[in-house]
Amino acid sequence: MPSDEPHDDLPPSPRDDATLTRLGHDTYLKAVNNPVRRRLLELVSKAPGTPEAVASQLVREGLLGDEGALKYHLDVLAKARCVDLDVDPRGNVMAIKITQGGQVVDYMEK
């Protein structure tokens, strides 16, 4: 006989507010706790920058092996809502701007 009660043994739906909040916090912490992304946020917090300028600085500091790795870090930061990316119609990132969430870098221990 079918039951009308919810199945407590099922994992929570990703649409559940608490689960979404936890996943958002996990994404945010992953983004800001990485040394490359933390430095990227520090650079952009001083002034919006182009991907080329930011990547070049991170390579000079030895944090990036090559400028191509920047895209991955930008994607993580954008997903965590730490940066806004100005993108042209072809999908190329033209500028990186810090968001209020990304400004946490100003308060983190160095």
Protein backbone atom coordinates (compact mmCIF):
# COMPACT_ATOMS: atom_id res chain seq x y z
CA MET A 1 0.00 0.00 0.00
CA PRO A 2 1.58 3.34 -1.05
CA SER A 3 2.29 5.91 1.61
CA ASP A 4 1.59 9.64 1.35
CA GLU A 5 4.50 10.42 3.71
CA PRO A 6 7.79 11.70 2.28
CA HIS A 7 10.65 9.26 1.91
CA ASP A 8 13.05 10.27 4.69
CA ASP A 9 15.75 7.99 3.38
CA LEU A 10 16.14 10.05 0.18
CA PRO A 11 18.82 12.74 0.02
CA PRO A 12 17.57 16.32 0.15
CA SER A 13 16.67 17.87 -3.16
CA PRO A 14 19.23 20.30 -4.55
CA ARG A 15 16.32 22.73 -4.74
CA ASP A 16 16.00 22.65 -0.96
CA ASP A 17 16.97 26.08 0.44
CA ALA A 18 19.26 24.69 3.13
CA THR A 19 21.09 22.50 0.63
CA LEU A 20 21.47 25.36 -1.83
CA THR A 21 22.83 27.59 0.93
CA ARG A 22 25.33 24.94 2.03
CA LEU A 23 26.48 24.34 -1.55
CA GLY A 24 26.85 28.09 -2.06
CA HIS A 25 28.98 28.39 1.07
CA ASP A 26 31.12 25.42 0.02
CA THR A 27 31.68 26.97 -3.41
CA TYR A 28 32.55 30.32 -1.86
CA LEU A 29 35.04 28.84 0.60
CA LYS A 30 36.69 26.79 -2.14
CA ALA A 31 37.05 29.95 -4.20
CA VAL A 32 38.55 32.26 -1.58
CA ASN A 33 40.77 29.75 0.21
CA ASN A 34 42.98 29.05 -2.82
CA PRO A 35 46.19 31.15 -2.82
CA VAL A 36 46.03 31.88 -6.56
CA ARG A 37 42.42 33.01 -6.40
CA ARG A 38 43.04 34.98 -3.21
CA ARG A 39 45.87 36.89 -4.90
CA LEU A 40 43.73 37.39 -7.99
CA LEU A 41 41.03 38.95 -5.78
CA GLU A 42 43.66 41.19 -4.14
CA LEU A 43 44.79 42.45 -7.54
CA VAL A 44 41.28 43.09 -8.82
CA SER A 45 40.16 44.69 -5.54
CA LYS A 46 42.63 47.52 -6.20
CA ALA A 47 41.28 48.13 -9.71
CA PRO A 48 39.32 46.14 -12.31
CA GLY A 49 41.73 44.40 -14.62
CA THR A 50 42.02 42.62 -17.89
CA PRO A 51 42.62 38.88 -17.87
CA GLU A 52 45.94 39.41 -19.63
CA ALA A 53 47.24 41.86 -17.02
CA VAL A 54 46.10 39.73 -14.09
CA ALA A 55 47.50 36.52 -15.59
CA SER A 56 50.79 38.21 -16.39
CA GLN A 57 51.14 39.41 -12.79
CA LEU A 58 50.28 35.97 -11.37
CA VAL A 59 52.85 34.32 -13.66
CA ARG A 60 55.52 36.85 -12.58
CA GLU A 61 54.74 36.04 -8.94
CA GLY A 62 55.05 32.31 -9.64
CA LEU A 63 51.43 31.57 -8.77
CA LEU A 64 50.43 30.51 -12.29
CA GLY A 65 52.49 28.26 -14.52
CA ASP A 66 51.02 29.84 -17.63
CA GLU A 67 48.42 32.43 -18.50
CA GLY A 68 46.01 29.77 -19.80
CA ALA A 69 45.33 28.52 -16.28
CA LEU A 70 43.63 31.80 -15.39
CA LYS A 71 40.34 30.79 -17.04
CA TYR A 72 39.82 27.96 -14.56
CA HIS A 73 40.36 30.26 -11.58
CA LEU A 74 38.09 32.94 -13.06
CA ASP A 75 35.34 30.37 -13.58
CA VAL A 76 35.57 29.28 -9.92
CA LEU A 77 35.47 32.89 -8.69
CA ALA A 78 32.56 33.79 -10.97
CA LYS A 79 30.58 30.73 -9.87
CA ALA A 80 31.16 31.75 -6.24
CA ARG A 81 30.03 35.30 -7.11
CA CYS A 82 33.36 36.83 -6.09
CA VAL A 83 33.95 38.49 -9.46
CA ASP A 84 31.89 39.78 -12.36
CA LEU A 85 33.27 39.12 -15.80
CA ASP A 86 32.62 41.55 -18.65
CA VAL A 87 32.33 39.29 -21.67
CA ASP A 88 32.18 40.29 -25.34
CA PRO A 89 29.67 38.71 -27.77
CA ARG A 90 32.19 35.99 -28.66
CA GLY A 91 32.57 34.95 -25.01
CA ASN A 92 35.98 36.52 -24.43
CA VAL A 93 36.50 38.02 -20.99
CA MET A 94 37.31 41.70 -21.41
CA ALA A 95 37.46 42.82 -17.76
CA ILE A 96 37.38 41.34 -14.26
CA LYS A 97 35.57 43.26 -11.52
CA ILE A 98 35.40 42.33 -7.86
CA THR A 99 31.99 41.92 -6.23
CA GLN A 100 30.99 42.59 -2.65
CA GLY A 101 31.52 38.88 -1.93
CA GLY A 102 35.02 39.02 -3.36
CA GLN A 103 35.97 41.91 -1.13
CA VAL A 104 36.36 39.44 1.75
CA VAL A 105 40.00 39.32 0.67
CA ASP A 106 40.47 42.73 2.29
CA TYR A 107 39.69 41.16 5.67
CA MET A 108 41.59 37.87 5.40
CA GLU A 109 44.90 37.22 7.11
CA LYS A 110 47.85 37.50 4.80
